[in-house]
Amino acid sequence: MNHMRCEEHHSELELAFNEEFEKFRAFAVTTHTSYNWDYVSPGAMREILDDGGNMNQHKHVKAARKKPTDTTK
């Protein structure tokens, strides 16, 4: 029974993290336009946090800093 409760709690936490992160990203897109927010997903953010160390050197952070070149012009 405790195992089922633990799994249910984990699922709720996962859902809350993903939903709130999407709200954060939607807001950040409008305020921090120098980042390519397509590279910053909940999974990427979790990987950055789990890795620890220097976040500025993380591959997802570096990718987010690079704005895609507009090839339509």
PDB file of N, CA and C in Angstrom:
ATOM      1  N   MET A   1       0.822  -1.196   0.000  1.00  0.00           N
ATOM      2  CA  MET A   1       0.000   0.000   0.000  1.00  0.00           C
ATOM      3  C   MET A   1       0.863   1.256   0.000  1.00  0.00           C
ATOM      4  N   ASN A   2       1.906   1.272   0.820  1.00  0.00           N
ATOM      5  CA  ASN A   2       2.787   2.439   0.870  1.00  0.00           C
ATOM      6  C   ASN A   2       3.492   2.665  -0.450  1.00  0.00           C
ATOM      7  N   HIS A   3       3.841   1.554  -1.123  1.00  0.00           N
ATOM      8  CA  HIS A   3       4.511   1.663  -2.419  1.00  0.00           C
ATOM      9  C   HIS A   3       3.597   2.346  -3.441  1.00  0.00           C
ATOM     10  N   MET A   4       2.323   1.986  -3.438  1.00  0.00           N
ATOM     11  CA  MET A   4       1.366   2.599  -4.364  1.00  0.00           C
ATOM     12  C   MET A   4       1.211   4.088  -4.062  1.00  0.00           C
ATOM     13  N   ARG A   5       1.173   4.435  -2.778  1.00  0.00           N
ATOM     14  CA  ARG A   5       1.065   5.848  -2.399  1.00  0.00           C
ATOM     15  C   ARG A   5       2.297   6.622  -2.858  1.00  0.00           C
ATOM     16  N   CYS A   6       3.447   6.003  -2.702  1.00  0.00           N
ATOM     17  CA  CYS A   6       4.700   6.646  -3.099  1.00  0.00           C
ATOM     18  C   CYS A   6       4.719   6.894  -4.606  1.00  0.00           C
ATOM     19  N   GLU A   7       4.291   5.906  -5.394  1.00  0.00           N
ATOM     20  CA  GLU A   7       4.235   6.068  -6.852  1.00  0.00           C
ATOM     21  C   GLU A   7       3.236   7.148  -7.248  1.00  0.00           C
ATOM     22  N   GLU A   8       2.098   7.179  -6.582  1.00  0.00           N
ATOM     23  CA  GLU A   8       1.077   8.191  -6.865  1.00  0.00           C
ATOM     24  C   GLU A   8       1.620   9.589  -6.545  1.00  0.00           C
ATOM     25  N   HIS A   9       2.280   9.707  -5.405  1.00  0.00           N
ATOM     26  CA  HIS A   9       2.867  10.983  -5.011  1.00  0.00           C
ATOM     27  C   HIS A   9       3.925  11.421  -6.026  1.00  0.00           C
ATOM     28  N   HIS A  10       4.748  10.497  -6.462  1.00  0.00           N
ATOM     29  CA  HIS A  10       5.791  10.809  -7.452  1.00  0.00           C
ATOM     30  C   HIS A  10       5.157  11.295  -8.748  1.00  0.00           C
ATOM     31  N   SER A  11       4.096  10.633  -9.186  1.00  0.00           N
ATOM     32  CA  SER A  11       3.405  11.046 -10.414  1.00  0.00           C
ATOM     33  C   SER A  11       2.838  12.455 -10.282  1.00  0.00           C
ATOM     34  N   GLU A  12       2.277  12.761  -9.133  1.00  0.00           N
ATOM     35  CA  GLU A  12       1.734  14.102  -8.900  1.00  0.00           C
ATOM     36  C   GLU A  12       2.843  15.149  -8.921  1.00  0.00           C
ATOM     37  N   LEU A  13       3.973  14.824  -8.304  1.00  0.00           N
ATOM     38  CA  LEU A  13       5.108  15.755  -8.312  1.00  0.00           C
ATOM     39  C   LEU A  13       5.624  15.971  -9.727  1.00  0.00           C
ATOM     40  N   GLU A  14       5.733  14.896 -10.470  1.00  0.00           N
ATOM     41  CA  GLU A  14       6.207  14.969 -11.855  1.00  0.00           C
ATOM     42  C   GLU A  14       5.291  15.866 -12.690  1.00  0.00           C
ATOM     43  N   LEU A  15       3.996  15.669 -12.561  1.00  0.00           N
ATOM     44  CA  LEU A  15       3.020  16.458 -13.299  1.00  0.00           C
ATOM     45  C   LEU A  15       3.108  17.936 -12.916  1.00  0.00           C
ATOM     46  N   ALA A  16       3.203  18.215 -11.633  1.00  0.00           N
ATOM     47  CA  ALA A  16       3.301  19.600 -11.165  1.00  0.00           C
ATOM     48  C   ALA A  16       4.574  20.259 -11.687  1.00  0.00           C
ATOM     49  N   PHE A  17       5.685  19.538 -11.650  1.00  0.00           N
ATOM     50  CA  PHE A  17       6.946  20.087 -12.154  1.00  0.00           C
ATOM     51  C   PHE A  17       6.821  20.439 -13.635  1.00  0.00           C
ATOM     52  N   ASN A  18       6.293  19.508 -14.416  1.00  0.00           N
ATOM     53  CA  ASN A  18       6.166  19.732 -15.856  1.00  0.00           C
ATOM     54  C   ASN A  18       5.221  20.878 -16.166  1.00  0.00           C
ATOM     55  N   GLU A  19       4.072  20.918 -15.502  1.00  0.00           N
ATOM     56  CA  GLU A  19       3.094  21.982 -15.758  1.00  0.00           C
ATOM     57  C   GLU A  19       3.650  23.351 -15.378  1.00  0.00           C
ATOM     58  N   GLU A  20       4.217  23.444 -14.200  1.00  0.00           N
ATOM     59  CA  GLU A  20       4.746  24.739 -13.756  1.00  0.00           C
ATOM     60  C   GLU A  20       5.953  25.154 -14.583  1.00  0.00           C
ATOM     61  N   PHE A  21       6.764  24.191 -14.994  1.00  0.00           N
ATOM     62  CA  PHE A  21       7.911  24.545 -15.823  1.00  0.00           C
ATOM     63  C   PHE A  21       7.446  25.092 -17.165  1.00  0.00           C
ATOM     64  N   GLU A  22       6.407  24.506 -17.725  1.00  0.00           N
ATOM     65  CA  GLU A  22       5.872  25.012 -18.992  1.00  0.00           C
ATOM     66  C   GLU A  22       5.347  26.439 -18.826  1.00  0.00           C
ATOM     67  N   LYS A  23       4.729  26.729 -17.685  1.00  0.00           N
ATOM     68  CA  LYS A  23       4.271  28.105 -17.426  1.00  0.00           C
ATOM     69  C   LYS A  23       5.458  29.046 -17.310  1.00  0.00           C
ATOM     70  N   PHE A  24       6.504  28.593 -16.617  1.00  0.00           N
ATOM     71  CA  PHE A  24       7.715  29.399 -16.490  1.00  0.00           C
ATOM     72  C   PHE A  24       8.322  29.662 -17.860  1.00  0.00           C
ATOM     73  N   ARG A  25       8.442  28.613 -18.677  1.00  0.00           N
ATOM     74  CA  ARG A  25       9.054  28.766 -19.997  1.00  0.00           C
ATOM     75  C   ARG A  25       8.229  29.716 -20.868  1.00  0.00           C
ATOM     76  N   ALA A  26       6.910  29.615 -20.815  1.00  0.00           N
ATOM     77  CA  ALA A  26       6.057  30.510 -21.604  1.00  0.00           C
ATOM     78  C   ALA A  26       6.278  31.963 -21.205  1.00  0.00           C
ATOM     79  N   PHE A  27       6.471  32.226 -19.927  1.00  0.00           N
ATOM     80  CA  PHE A  27       6.752  33.574 -19.459  1.00  0.00           C
ATOM     81  C   PHE A  27       8.164  33.999 -19.862  1.00  0.00           C
ATOM     82  N   ALA A  28       9.119  33.108 -19.696  1.00  0.00           N
ATOM     83  CA  ALA A  28      10.513  33.434 -19.978  1.00  0.00           C
ATOM     84  C   ALA A  28      10.736  33.749 -21.454  1.00  0.00           C
ATOM     85  N   VAL A  29       9.993  33.116 -22.340  1.00  0.00           N
ATOM     86  CA  VAL A  29      10.126  33.367 -23.778  1.00  0.00           C
ATOM     87  C   VAL A  29       9.883  34.839 -24.082  1.00  0.00           C
ATOM     88  N   THR A  30       8.967  35.453 -23.355  1.00  0.00           N
ATOM     89  CA  THR A  30       8.631  36.851 -23.622  1.00  0.00           C
ATOM     90  C   THR A  30       9.589  37.832 -22.955  1.00  0.00           C
ATOM     91  N   THR A  31      10.282  37.399 -21.893  1.00  0.00           N
ATOM     92  CA  THR A  31      11.139  38.318 -21.157  1.00  0.00           C
ATOM     93  C   THR A  31      12.626  38.119 -21.418  1.00  0.00           C
ATOM     94  N   HIS A  32      13.036  36.903 -21.741  1.00  0.00           N
ATOM     95  CA  HIS A  32      14.449  36.607 -22.006  1.00  0.00           C
ATOM     96  C   HIS A  32      14.585  36.111 -23.440  1.00  0.00           C
ATOM     97  N   THR A  33      14.504  37.040 -24.357  1.00  0.00           N
ATOM     98  CA  THR A  33      14.452  36.688 -25.776  1.00  0.00           C
ATOM     99  C   THR A  33      15.797  36.268 -26.353  1.00  0.00           C
ATOM    100  N   SER A  34      16.885  36.424 -25.614  1.00  0.00           N
ATOM    101  CA  SER A  34      18.186  36.027 -26.145  1.00  0.00           C
ATOM    102  C   SER A  34      18.421  34.520 -26.047  1.00  0.00           C
ATOM    103  N   TYR A  35      17.520  33.792 -25.409  1.00  0.00           N
ATOM    104  CA  TYR A  35      17.650  32.339 -25.290  1.00  0.00           C
ATOM    105  C   TYR A  35      16.719  31.640 -26.273  1.00  0.00           C
ATOM    106  N   ASN A  36      17.153  30.508 -26.752  1.00  0.00           N
ATOM    107  CA  ASN A  36      16.307  29.665 -27.585  1.00  0.00           C
ATOM    108  C   ASN A  36      15.609  28.682 -26.650  1.00  0.00           C
ATOM    109  N   TRP A  37      14.417  28.986 -26.243  1.00  0.00           N
ATOM    110  CA  TRP A  37      13.717  28.214 -25.223  1.00  0.00           C
ATOM    111  C   TRP A  37      13.258  26.858 -25.715  1.00  0.00           C
ATOM    112  N   ASP A  38      13.350  26.589 -27.024  1.00  0.00           N
ATOM    113  CA  ASP A  38      13.014  25.262 -27.538  1.00  0.00           C
ATOM    114  C   ASP A  38      13.943  24.193 -26.962  1.00  0.00           C
ATOM    115  N   TYR A  39      15.157  24.600 -26.582  1.00  0.00           N
ATOM    116  CA  TYR A  39      16.128  23.648 -26.039  1.00  0.00           C
ATOM    117  C   TYR A  39      15.973  23.439 -24.540  1.00  0.00           C
ATOM    118  N   VAL A  40      15.097  24.185 -23.912  1.00  0.00           N
ATOM    119  CA  VAL A  40      14.934  24.077 -22.462  1.00  0.00           C
ATOM    120  C   VAL A  40      13.590  23.419 -22.169  1.00  0.00           C
ATOM    121  N   SER A  41      13.636  22.134 -21.916  1.00  0.00           N
ATOM    122  CA  SER A  41      12.431  21.364 -21.605  1.00  0.00           C
ATOM    123  C   SER A  41      12.486  20.938 -20.142  1.00  0.00           C
ATOM    124  N   PRO A  42      11.386  20.434 -19.605  1.00  0.00           N
ATOM    125  CA  PRO A  42      11.451  19.932 -18.224  1.00  0.00           C
ATOM    126  C   PRO A  42      12.515  18.843 -18.058  1.00  0.00           C
ATOM    127  N   GLY A  43      12.636  17.972 -19.042  1.00  0.00           N
ATOM    128  CA  GLY A  43      13.641  16.912 -18.966  1.00  0.00           C
ATOM    129  C   GLY A  43      15.054  17.465 -18.985  1.00  0.00           C
ATOM    130  N   ALA A  44      15.291  18.466 -19.829  1.00  0.00           N
ATOM    131  CA  ALA A  44      16.619  19.086 -19.889  1.00  0.00           C
ATOM    132  C   ALA A  44      16.933  19.800 -18.584  1.00  0.00           C
ATOM    133  N   MET A  45      15.941  20.473 -18.031  1.00  0.00           N
ATOM    134  CA  MET A  45      16.154  21.175 -16.764  1.00  0.00           C
ATOM    135  C   MET A  45      16.473  20.195 -15.641  1.00  0.00           C
ATOM    136  N   ARG A  46      15.766  19.078 -15.613  1.00  0.00           N
ATOM    137  CA  ARG A  46      16.038  18.063 -14.592  1.00  0.00           C
ATOM    138  C   ARG A  46      17.463  17.522 -14.755  1.00  0.00           C
ATOM    139  N   GLU A  47      17.889  17.306 -15.995  1.00  0.00           N
ATOM    140  CA  GLU A  47      19.242  16.810 -16.250  1.00  0.00           C
ATOM    141  C   GLU A  47      20.291  17.821 -15.785  1.00  0.00           C
ATOM    142  N   ILE A  48      20.050  19.098 -16.039  1.00  0.00           N
ATOM    143  CA  ILE A  48      20.972  20.149 -15.597  1.00  0.00           C
ATOM    144  C   ILE A  48      21.075  20.145 -14.074  1.00  0.00           C
ATOM    145  N   LEU A  49      19.938  20.086 -13.398  1.00  0.00           N
ATOM    146  CA  LEU A  49      19.935  20.102 -11.934  1.00  0.00           C
ATOM    147  C   LEU A  49      20.573  18.848 -11.349  1.00  0.00           C
ATOM    148  N   ASP A  50      20.329  17.704 -11.971  1.00  0.00           N
ATOM    149  CA  ASP A  50      20.886  16.447 -11.473  1.00  0.00           C
ATOM    150  C   ASP A  50      22.396  16.377 -11.656  1.00  0.00           C
ATOM    151  N   ASP A  51      22.902  16.986 -12.727  1.00  0.00           N
ATOM    152  CA  ASP A  51      24.340  16.935 -13.000  1.00  0.00           C
ATOM    153  C   ASP A  51      25.146  17.766 -12.017  1.00  0.00           C
ATOM    154  N   GLY A  52      24.555  18.860 -11.531  1.00  0.00           N
ATOM    155  CA  GLY A  52      25.284  19.734 -10.608  1.00  0.00           C
ATOM    156  C   GLY A  52      26.454  20.387 -11.326  1.00  0.00           C
ATOM    157  N   GLY A  53      27.418  20.854 -10.566  1.00  0.00           N
ATOM    158  CA  GLY A  53      28.593  21.473 -11.173  1.00  0.00           C
ATOM    159  C   GLY A  53      28.281  22.818 -11.785  1.00  0.00           C
ATOM    160  N   ASN A  54      29.076  23.196 -12.764  1.00  0.00           N
ATOM    161  CA  ASN A  54      28.950  24.490 -13.420  1.00  0.00           C
ATOM    162  C   ASN A  54      27.849  24.432 -14.468  1.00  0.00           C
ATOM    163  N   MET A  55      26.689  25.007 -14.147  1.00  0.00           N
ATOM    164  CA  MET A  55      25.554  24.945 -15.066  1.00  0.00           C
ATOM    165  C   MET A  55      25.813  25.706 -16.355  1.00  0.00           C
ATOM    166  N   ASN A  56      26.671  26.720 -16.318  1.00  0.00           N
ATOM    167  CA  ASN A  56      26.953  27.488 -17.530  1.00  0.00           C
ATOM    168  C   ASN A  56      27.650  26.655 -18.595  1.00  0.00           C
ATOM    169  N   GLN A  57      28.290  25.570 -18.184  1.00  0.00           N
ATOM    170  CA  GLN A  57      28.996  24.720 -19.137  1.00  0.00           C
ATOM    171  C   GLN A  57      28.163  23.523 -19.591  1.00  0.00           C
ATOM    172  N   HIS A  58      26.936  23.417 -19.101  1.00  0.00           N
ATOM    173  CA  HIS A  58      26.095  22.280 -19.455  1.00  0.00           C
ATOM    174  C   HIS A  58      25.646  22.393 -20.908  1.00  0.00           C
ATOM    175  N   LYS A  59      25.564  21.257 -21.611  1.00  0.00           N
ATOM    176  CA  LYS A  59      25.223  21.265 -23.043  1.00  0.00           C
ATOM    177  C   LYS A  59      23.865  21.900 -23.323  1.00  0.00           C
ATOM    178  N   HIS A  60      22.870  21.709 -22.448  1.00  0.00           N
ATOM    179  CA  HIS A  60      21.548  22.298 -22.680  1.00  0.00           C
ATOM    180  C   HIS A  60      21.584  23.813 -22.514  1.00  0.00           C
ATOM    181  N   VAL A  61      22.372  24.300 -21.572  1.00  0.00           N
ATOM    182  CA  VAL A  61      22.494  25.744 -21.360  1.00  0.00           C
ATOM    183  C   VAL A  61      23.182  26.375 -22.559  1.00  0.00           C
ATOM    184  N   LYS A  62      24.242  25.753 -23.027  1.00  0.00           N
ATOM    185  CA  LYS A  62      24.947  26.279 -24.207  1.00  0.00           C
ATOM    186  C   LYS A  62      24.025  26.296 -25.423  1.00  0.00           C
ATOM    187  N   ALA A  63      23.252  25.239 -25.613  1.00  0.00           N
ATOM    188  CA  ALA A  63      22.333  25.181 -26.753  1.00  0.00           C
ATOM    189  C   ALA A  63      21.258  26.243 -26.648  1.00  0.00           C
ATOM    190  N   ALA A  64      20.771  26.500 -25.450  1.00  0.00           N
ATOM    191  CA  ALA A  64      19.713  27.493 -25.267  1.00  0.00           C
ATOM    192  C   ALA A  64      20.212  28.899 -25.554  1.00  0.00           C
ATOM    193  N   ARG A  65      21.494  29.141 -25.322  1.00  0.00           N
ATOM    194  CA  ARG A  65      22.036  30.479 -25.559  1.00  0.00           C
ATOM    195  C   ARG A  65      22.167  30.799 -27.034  1.00  0.00           C
ATOM    196  N   LYS A  66      22.208  29.790 -27.869  1.00  0.00           N
ATOM    197  CA  LYS A  66      22.385  30.000 -29.304  1.00  0.00           C
ATOM    198  C   LYS A  66      21.031  30.171 -29.971  1.00  0.00           C
ATOM    199  N   LYS A  67      20.767  31.362 -30.436  1.00  0.00           N
ATOM    200  CA  LYS A  67      19.532  31.606 -31.162  1.00  0.00           C
ATOM    201  C   LYS A  67      19.660  30.983 -32.551  1.00  0.00           C
ATOM    202  N   PRO A  68      18.635  30.318 -33.042  1.00  0.00           N
ATOM    203  CA  PRO A  68      18.722  29.742 -34.387  1.00  0.00           C
ATOM    204  C   PRO A  68      18.809  30.841 -35.424  1.00  0.00           C
ATOM    205  N   THR A  69      19.569  30.573 -36.458  1.00  0.00           N
ATOM    206  CA  THR A  69      19.710  31.542 -37.547  1.00  0.00           C
ATOM    207  C   THR A  69      18.440  31.567 -38.365  1.00  0.00           C
ATOM    208  N   ASP A  70      17.969  32.765 -38.656  1.00  0.00           N
ATOM    209  CA  ASP A  70      16.762  32.911 -39.453  1.00  0.00           C
ATOM    210  C   ASP A  70      17.152  32.740 -40.924  1.00  0.00           C
ATOM    211  N   THR A  71      16.776  31.621 -41.518  1.00  0.00           N
ATOM    212  CA  THR A  71      17.125  31.327 -42.909  1.00  0.00           C
ATOM    213  C   THR A  71      16.013  31.694 -43.878  1.00  0.00           C
ATOM    214  N   THR A  72      14.941  32.332 -43.391  1.00  0.00           N
ATOM    215  CA  THR A  72      13.813  32.659 -44.265  1.00  0.00           C
ATOM    216  C   THR A  72      14.025  33.963 -45.015  1.00  0.00           C
ATOM    217  N   LYS A  73      15.044  34.727 -44.625  1.00  0.00           N
ATOM    218  CA  LYS A  73      15.265  36.031 -45.279  1.00  0.00           C
ATOM    219  C   LYS A  73      16.193  35.897 -46.452  1.00  0.00           C
TER     220      LYS A  73
END
